[in-house]
PDB file of all heavy atoms in Angstrom:
ATOM      1  N   GLY A   1      16.209 -22.513  -7.386  1.00  0.00           N
ATOM      2  CA  GLY A   1      17.423 -21.743  -7.517  1.00  0.00           C
ATOM      3  C   GLY A   1      17.542 -20.586  -6.567  1.00  0.00           C
ATOM      4  O   GLY A   1      16.604 -20.240  -5.824  1.00  0.00           O
ATOM      5  N   TYR A   2      18.737 -19.984  -6.591  1.00  0.00           N
ATOM      6  CA  TYR A   2      19.056 -18.835  -5.752  1.00  0.00           C
ATOM      7  C   TYR A   2      19.462 -17.676  -6.645  1.00  0.00           C
ATOM      8  O   TYR A   2      20.057 -17.869  -7.707  1.00  0.00           O
ATOM      9  CB  TYR A   2      20.222 -19.169  -4.817  1.00  0.00           C
ATOM     10  CG  TYR A   2      19.933 -20.289  -3.853  1.00  0.00           C
ATOM     11  CD1 TYR A   2      20.158 -21.618  -4.211  1.00  0.00           C
ATOM     12  CD2 TYR A   2      19.433 -20.021  -2.580  1.00  0.00           C
ATOM     13  CE1 TYR A   2      19.906 -22.650  -3.328  1.00  0.00           C
ATOM     14  CE2 TYR A   2      19.172 -21.059  -1.691  1.00  0.00           C
ATOM     15  CZ  TYR A   2      19.411 -22.370  -2.071  1.00  0.00           C
ATOM     16  OH  TYR A   2      19.161 -23.381  -1.193  1.00  0.00           O
ATOM     17  N   GLN A   3      19.159 -16.454  -6.171  1.00  0.00           N
ATOM     18  CA  GLN A   3      19.537 -15.264  -6.903  1.00  0.00           C
ATOM     19  C   GLN A   3      19.972 -14.173  -5.923  1.00  0.00           C
ATOM     20  O   GLN A   3      19.514 -14.129  -4.785  1.00  0.00           O
ATOM     21  CB  GLN A   3      18.382 -14.737  -7.759  1.00  0.00           C
ATOM     22  CG  GLN A   3      17.920 -15.721  -8.827  1.00  0.00           C
ATOM     23  CD  GLN A   3      16.923 -15.113  -9.783  1.00  0.00           C
ATOM     24  OE1 GLN A   3      17.090 -13.982 -10.224  1.00  0.00           O
ATOM     25  NE2 GLN A   3      15.886 -15.860 -10.108  1.00  0.00           N
ATOM     26  N   GLY A   4      20.842 -13.294  -6.380  1.00  0.00           N
ATOM     27  CA  GLY A   4      21.281 -12.158  -5.585  1.00  0.00           C
ATOM     28  C   GLY A   4      21.475 -10.954  -6.474  1.00  0.00           C
ATOM     29  O   GLY A   4      21.786 -11.093  -7.667  1.00  0.00           O
ATOM     30  N   GLY A   5      21.275  -9.755  -5.915  1.00  0.00           N
ATOM     31  CA  GLY A   5      21.412  -8.575  -6.759  1.00  0.00           C
ATOM     32  C   GLY A   5      21.241  -7.280  -6.003  1.00  0.00           C
ATOM     33  O   GLY A   5      21.339  -7.213  -4.781  1.00  0.00           O
ATOM     34  N   ILE A   6      20.950  -6.221  -6.759  1.00  0.00           N
ATOM     35  CA  ILE A   6      20.815  -4.868  -6.229  1.00  0.00           C
ATOM     36  C   ILE A   6      19.493  -4.262  -6.701  1.00  0.00           C
ATOM     37  O   ILE A   6      18.897  -4.721  -7.677  1.00  0.00           O
ATOM     38  CB  ILE A   6      21.987  -3.976  -6.670  1.00  0.00           C
ATOM     39  CG1 ILE A   6      22.062  -3.928  -8.206  1.00  0.00           C
ATOM     40  CG2 ILE A   6      23.297  -4.484  -6.074  1.00  0.00           C
ATOM     41  CD1 ILE A   6      23.135  -2.972  -8.736  1.00  0.00           C
ATOM     42  N   TYR A   7      19.043  -3.222  -5.990  1.00  0.00           N
ATOM     43  CA  TYR A   7      17.828  -2.531  -6.400  1.00  0.00           C
ATOM     44  C   TYR A   7      17.941  -1.041  -6.083  1.00  0.00           C
ATOM     45  O   TYR A   7      18.776  -0.617  -5.278  1.00  0.00           O
ATOM     46  CB  TYR A   7      16.595  -3.110  -5.697  1.00  0.00           C
ATOM     47  CG  TYR A   7      16.579  -2.952  -4.196  1.00  0.00           C
ATOM     48  CD1 TYR A   7      16.054  -1.807  -3.593  1.00  0.00           C
ATOM     49  CD2 TYR A   7      17.084  -3.949  -3.359  1.00  0.00           C
ATOM     50  CE1 TYR A   7      16.031  -1.665  -2.206  1.00  0.00           C
ATOM     51  CE2 TYR A   7      17.070  -3.819  -1.984  1.00  0.00           C
ATOM     52  CZ  TYR A   7      16.541  -2.673  -1.409  1.00  0.00           C
ATOM     53  OH  TYR A   7      16.527  -2.547  -0.047  1.00  0.00           O
ATOM     54  N   GLY A   8      17.097  -0.272  -6.724  1.00  0.00           N
ATOM     55  CA  GLY A   8      17.012   1.146  -6.470  1.00  0.00           C
ATOM     56  C   GLY A   8      15.593   1.626  -6.682  1.00  0.00           C
ATOM     57  O   GLY A   8      14.903   1.179  -7.607  1.00  0.00           O
ATOM     58  N   THR A   9      15.130   2.540  -5.828  1.00  0.00           N
ATOM     59  CA  THR A   9      13.761   3.053  -5.920  1.00  0.00           C
ATOM     60  C   THR A   9      13.748   4.564  -5.715  1.00  0.00           C
ATOM     61  O   THR A   9      14.407   5.074  -4.807  1.00  0.00           O
ATOM     62  CB  THR A   9      12.849   2.404  -4.862  1.00  0.00           C
ATOM     63  OG1 THR A   9      12.964   0.991  -4.949  1.00  0.00           O
ATOM     64  CG2 THR A   9      11.400   2.808  -5.076  1.00  0.00           C
ATOM     65  N   TRP A  10      13.015   5.243  -6.580  1.00  0.00           N
ATOM     66  CA  TRP A  10      12.776   6.678  -6.422  1.00  0.00           C
ATOM     67  C   TRP A  10      11.312   6.897  -6.069  1.00  0.00           C
ATOM     68  O   TRP A  10      10.424   6.350  -6.731  1.00  0.00           O
ATOM     69  CB  TRP A  10      13.086   7.429  -7.709  1.00  0.00           C
ATOM     70  CG  TRP A  10      12.596   8.858  -7.686  1.00  0.00           C
ATOM     71  CD1 TRP A  10      13.172   9.918  -7.052  1.00  0.00           C
ATOM     72  CD2 TRP A  10      11.414   9.366  -8.329  1.00  0.00           C
ATOM     73  NE1 TRP A  10      12.426  11.057  -7.252  1.00  0.00           N
ATOM     74  CE2 TRP A  10      11.332  10.745  -8.030  1.00  0.00           C
ATOM     75  CE3 TRP A  10      10.413   8.778  -9.113  1.00  0.00           C
ATOM     76  CZ2 TRP A  10      10.303  11.549  -8.497  1.00  0.00           C
ATOM     77  CZ3 TRP A  10       9.377   9.576  -9.577  1.00  0.00           C
ATOM     78  CH2 TRP A  10       9.332  10.952  -9.275  1.00  0.00           C
ATOM     79  N   TYR A  11      11.067   7.654  -4.992  1.00  0.00           N
ATOM     80  CA  TYR A  11       9.720   8.050  -4.589  1.00  0.00           C
ATOM     81  C   TYR A  11       9.563   9.532  -4.851  1.00  0.00           C
ATOM     82  O   TYR A  11      10.414  10.334  -4.435  1.00  0.00           O
ATOM     83  CB  TYR A  11       9.491   7.773  -3.104  1.00  0.00           C
ATOM     84  CG  TYR A  11       9.580   6.326  -2.715  1.00  0.00           C
ATOM     85  CD1 TYR A  11      10.737   5.807  -2.130  1.00  0.00           C
ATOM     86  CD2 TYR A  11       8.512   5.466  -2.932  1.00  0.00           C
ATOM     87  CE1 TYR A  11      10.820   4.476  -1.761  1.00  0.00           C
ATOM     88  CE2 TYR A  11       8.584   4.129  -2.566  1.00  0.00           C
ATOM     89  CZ  TYR A  11       9.743   3.646  -1.986  1.00  0.00           C
ATOM     90  OH  TYR A  11       9.830   2.329  -1.618  1.00  0.00           O
ATOM     91  N   GLY A  12       8.473   9.919  -5.494  1.00  0.00           N
ATOM     92  CA  GLY A  12       8.278  11.307  -5.863  1.00  0.00           C
ATOM     93  C   GLY A  12       7.740  12.207  -4.776  1.00  0.00           C
ATOM     94  O   GLY A  12       7.777  13.434  -4.916  1.00  0.00           O
ATOM     95  N   ARG A  13       7.234  11.602  -3.682  1.00  0.00           N
ATOM     96  CA  ARG A  13       6.675  12.387  -2.592  1.00  0.00           C
ATOM     97  C   ARG A  13       7.253  11.955  -1.258  1.00  0.00           C
ATOM     98  O   ARG A  13       7.674  10.795  -1.116  1.00  0.00           O
ATOM     99  CB  ARG A  13       5.141  12.216  -2.536  1.00  0.00           C
ATOM    100  CG  ARG A  13       4.398  12.839  -3.709  1.00  0.00           C
ATOM    101  CD  ARG A  13       2.903  12.673  -3.540  1.00  0.00           C
ATOM    102  NE  ARG A  13       2.161  13.270  -4.633  1.00  0.00           N
ATOM    103  CZ  ARG A  13       0.838  13.181  -4.752  1.00  0.00           C
ATOM    104  NH1 ARG A  13       0.139  12.506  -3.851  1.00  0.00           N
ATOM    105  NH2 ARG A  13       0.227  13.756  -5.769  1.00  0.00           N
ATOM    106  N   PRO A  14       7.282  12.869  -0.269  1.00  0.00           N
ATOM    107  CA  PRO A  14       7.745  12.467   1.065  1.00  0.00           C
ATOM    108  C   PRO A  14       6.915  11.327   1.629  1.00  0.00           C
ATOM    109  O   PRO A  14       7.432  10.434   2.301  1.00  0.00           O
ATOM    110  CB  PRO A  14       7.607  13.748   1.891  1.00  0.00           C
ATOM    111  CG  PRO A  14       7.643  14.858   0.899  1.00  0.00           C
ATOM    112  CD  PRO A  14       6.986  14.318  -0.326  1.00  0.00           C
ATOM    113  N   ASP A  15       5.598  11.350   1.378  1.00  0.00           N
ATOM    114  CA  ASP A  15       4.719  10.250   1.758  1.00  0.00           C
ATOM    115  C   ASP A  15       4.795   9.189   0.671  1.00  0.00           C
ATOM    116  O   ASP A  15       4.128   9.286  -0.357  1.00  0.00           O
ATOM    117  CB  ASP A  15       3.284  10.748   1.917  1.00  0.00           C
ATOM    118  CG  ASP A  15       2.301   9.614   2.150  1.00  0.00           C
ATOM    119  OD1 ASP A  15       2.764   8.496   2.484  1.00  0.00           O
ATOM    120  OD2 ASP A  15       1.096   9.843   2.008  1.00  0.00           O
ATOM    121  N   ILE A  16       5.625   8.176   0.886  1.00  0.00           N
ATOM    122  CA  ILE A  16       5.842   7.186  -0.170  1.00  0.00           C
ATOM    123  C   ILE A  16       4.676   6.218  -0.334  1.00  0.00           C
ATOM    124  O   ILE A  16       4.711   5.331  -1.179  1.00  0.00           O
ATOM    125  CB  ILE A  16       7.142   6.403   0.089  1.00  0.00           C
ATOM    126  CG1 ILE A  16       7.039   5.582   1.373  1.00  0.00           C
ATOM    127  CG2 ILE A  16       8.330   7.349   0.138  1.00  0.00           C
ATOM    128  CD1 ILE A  16       8.228   4.679   1.591  1.00  0.00           C
ATOM    129  N   LEU A  17       3.633   6.370   0.482  1.00  0.00           N
ATOM    130  CA  LEU A  17       2.448   5.551   0.310  1.00  0.00           C
ATOM    131  C   LEU A  17       1.630   5.995  -0.886  1.00  0.00           C
ATOM    132  O   LEU A  17       0.742   5.271  -1.343  1.00  0.00           O
ATOM    133  CB  LEU A  17       1.579   5.601   1.574  1.00  0.00           C
ATOM    134  CG  LEU A  17       2.182   4.986   2.845  1.00  0.00           C
ATOM    135  CD1 LEU A  17       1.234   5.203   4.007  1.00  0.00           C
ATOM    136  CD2 LEU A  17       2.446   3.507   2.645  1.00  0.00           C
ATOM    137  N   SER A  18       1.884   7.184  -1.403  1.00  0.00           N
ATOM    138  CA  SER A  18       1.131   7.676  -2.552  1.00  0.00           C
ATOM    139  C   SER A  18       2.065   8.467  -3.454  1.00  0.00           C
ATOM    140  O   SER A  18       3.159   8.875  -3.059  1.00  0.00           O
ATOM    141  CB  SER A  18      -0.038   8.558  -2.093  1.00  0.00           C
ATOM    142  OG  SER A  18       0.454   9.712  -1.410  1.00  0.00           O
ATOM    143  N   GLY A  19       1.609   8.659  -4.692  1.00  0.00           N
ATOM    144  CA  GLY A  19       2.392   9.441  -5.632  1.00  0.00           C
ATOM    145  C   GLY A  19       3.186   8.593  -6.601  1.00  0.00           C
ATOM    146  O   GLY A  19       3.123   7.359  -6.598  1.00  0.00           O
ATOM    147  N   PRO A  20       3.977   9.233  -7.451  1.00  0.00           N
ATOM    148  CA  PRO A  20       4.735   8.517  -8.472  1.00  0.00           C
ATOM    149  C   PRO A  20       5.956   7.804  -7.881  1.00  0.00           C
ATOM    150  O   PRO A  20       6.481   8.194  -6.849  1.00  0.00           O
ATOM    151  CB  PRO A  20       5.165   9.624  -9.430  1.00  0.00           C
ATOM    152  CG  PRO A  20       5.288  10.831  -8.545  1.00  0.00           C
ATOM    153  CD  PRO A  20       4.170  10.705  -7.529  1.00  0.00           C
ATOM    154  N   TYR A  21       6.395   6.762  -8.568  1.00  0.00           N
ATOM    155  CA  TYR A  21       7.610   6.057  -8.178  1.00  0.00           C
ATOM    156  C   TYR A  21       8.230   5.409  -9.404  1.00  0.00           C
ATOM    157  O   TYR A  21       7.574   5.161 -10.413  1.00  0.00           O
ATOM    158  CB  TYR A  21       7.306   4.975  -7.115  1.00  0.00           C
ATOM    159  CG  TYR A  21       6.523   3.807  -7.667  1.00  0.00           C
ATOM    160  CD1 TYR A  21       7.173   2.712  -8.240  1.00  0.00           C
ATOM    161  CD2 TYR A  21       5.132   3.795  -7.648  1.00  0.00           C
ATOM    162  CE1 TYR A  21       6.461   1.646  -8.757  1.00  0.00           C
ATOM    163  CE2 TYR A  21       4.408   2.729  -8.166  1.00  0.00           C
ATOM    164  CZ  TYR A  21       5.077   1.654  -8.712  1.00  0.00           C
ATOM    165  OH  TYR A  21       4.369   0.615  -9.241  1.00  0.00           O
ATOM    166  N   VAL A  22       9.523   5.135  -9.304  1.00  0.00           N
ATOM    167  CA  VAL A  22      10.248   4.350 -10.303  1.00  0.00           C
ATOM    168  C   VAL A  22      11.076   3.333  -9.554  1.00  0.00           C
ATOM    169  O   VAL A  22      11.787   3.675  -8.601  1.00  0.00           O
ATOM    170  CB  VAL A  22      11.167   5.240 -11.179  1.00  0.00           C
ATOM    171  CG1 VAL A  22      11.983   4.362 -12.134  1.00  0.00           C
ATOM    172  CG2 VAL A  22      10.345   6.249 -11.965  1.00  0.00           C
ATOM    173  N   ASP A  23      10.996   2.079  -9.972  1.00  0.00           N
ATOM    174  CA  ASP A  23      11.685   0.994  -9.289  1.00  0.00           C
ATOM    175  C   ASP A  23      12.487   0.193 -10.307  1.00  0.00           C
ATOM    176  O   ASP A  23      11.975  -0.146 -11.377  1.00  0.00           O
ATOM    177  CB  ASP A  23      10.654   0.094  -8.589  1.00  0.00           C
ATOM    178  CG  ASP A  23      11.321  -0.896  -7.649  1.00  0.00           C
ATOM    179  OD1 ASP A  23      12.043  -0.437  -6.749  1.00  0.00           O
ATOM    180  OD2 ASP A  23      11.131  -2.105  -7.803  1.00  0.00           O
ATOM    181  N   THR A  24      13.748  -0.102  -9.987  1.00  0.00           N
ATOM    182  CA  THR A  24      14.581  -0.891 -10.892  1.00  0.00           C
ATOM    183  C   THR A  24      15.420  -1.874 -10.101  1.00  0.00           C
ATOM    184  O   THR A  24      15.733  -1.622  -8.925  1.00  0.00           O
ATOM    185  CB  THR A  24      15.494   0.017 -11.730  1.00  0.00           C
ATOM    186  OG1 THR A  24      16.202  -0.774 -12.700  1.00  0.00           O
ATOM    187  CG2 THR A  24      16.487   0.771 -10.861  1.00  0.00           C
ATOM    188  N   TRP A  25      15.746  -3.027 -10.711  1.00  0.00           N
ATOM    189  CA  TRP A  25      16.567  -4.023 -10.041  1.00  0.00           C
ATOM    190  C   TRP A  25      17.299  -4.895 -11.043  1.00  0.00           C
ATOM    191  O   TRP A  25      16.896  -5.017 -12.202  1.00  0.00           O
ATOM    192  CB  TRP A  25      15.743  -4.890  -9.089  1.00  0.00           C
ATOM    193  CG  TRP A  25      14.514  -5.526  -9.674  1.00  0.00           C
ATOM    194  CD1 TRP A  25      13.235  -5.086  -9.564  1.00  0.00           C
ATOM    195  CD2 TRP A  25      14.442  -6.737 -10.452  1.00  0.00           C
ATOM    196  NE1 TRP A  25      12.370  -5.926 -10.222  1.00  0.00           N
ATOM    197  CE2 TRP A  25      13.078  -6.948 -10.768  1.00  0.00           C
ATOM    198  CE3 TRP A  25      15.387  -7.652 -10.885  1.00  0.00           C
ATOM    199  CZ2 TRP A  25      12.660  -8.048 -11.518  1.00  0.00           C
ATOM    200  CZ3 TRP A  25      14.976  -8.753 -11.643  1.00  0.00           C
ATOM    201  CH2 TRP A  25      13.623  -8.938 -11.944  1.00  0.00           C
TER     202      TRP A  25
END
């Protein structure tokens, strides 16, 4: 099957390689 949609991500630090995050889709 195929799917399409949207997503959003919050990064808690300027360096997004570390620190807290919230991801939703």
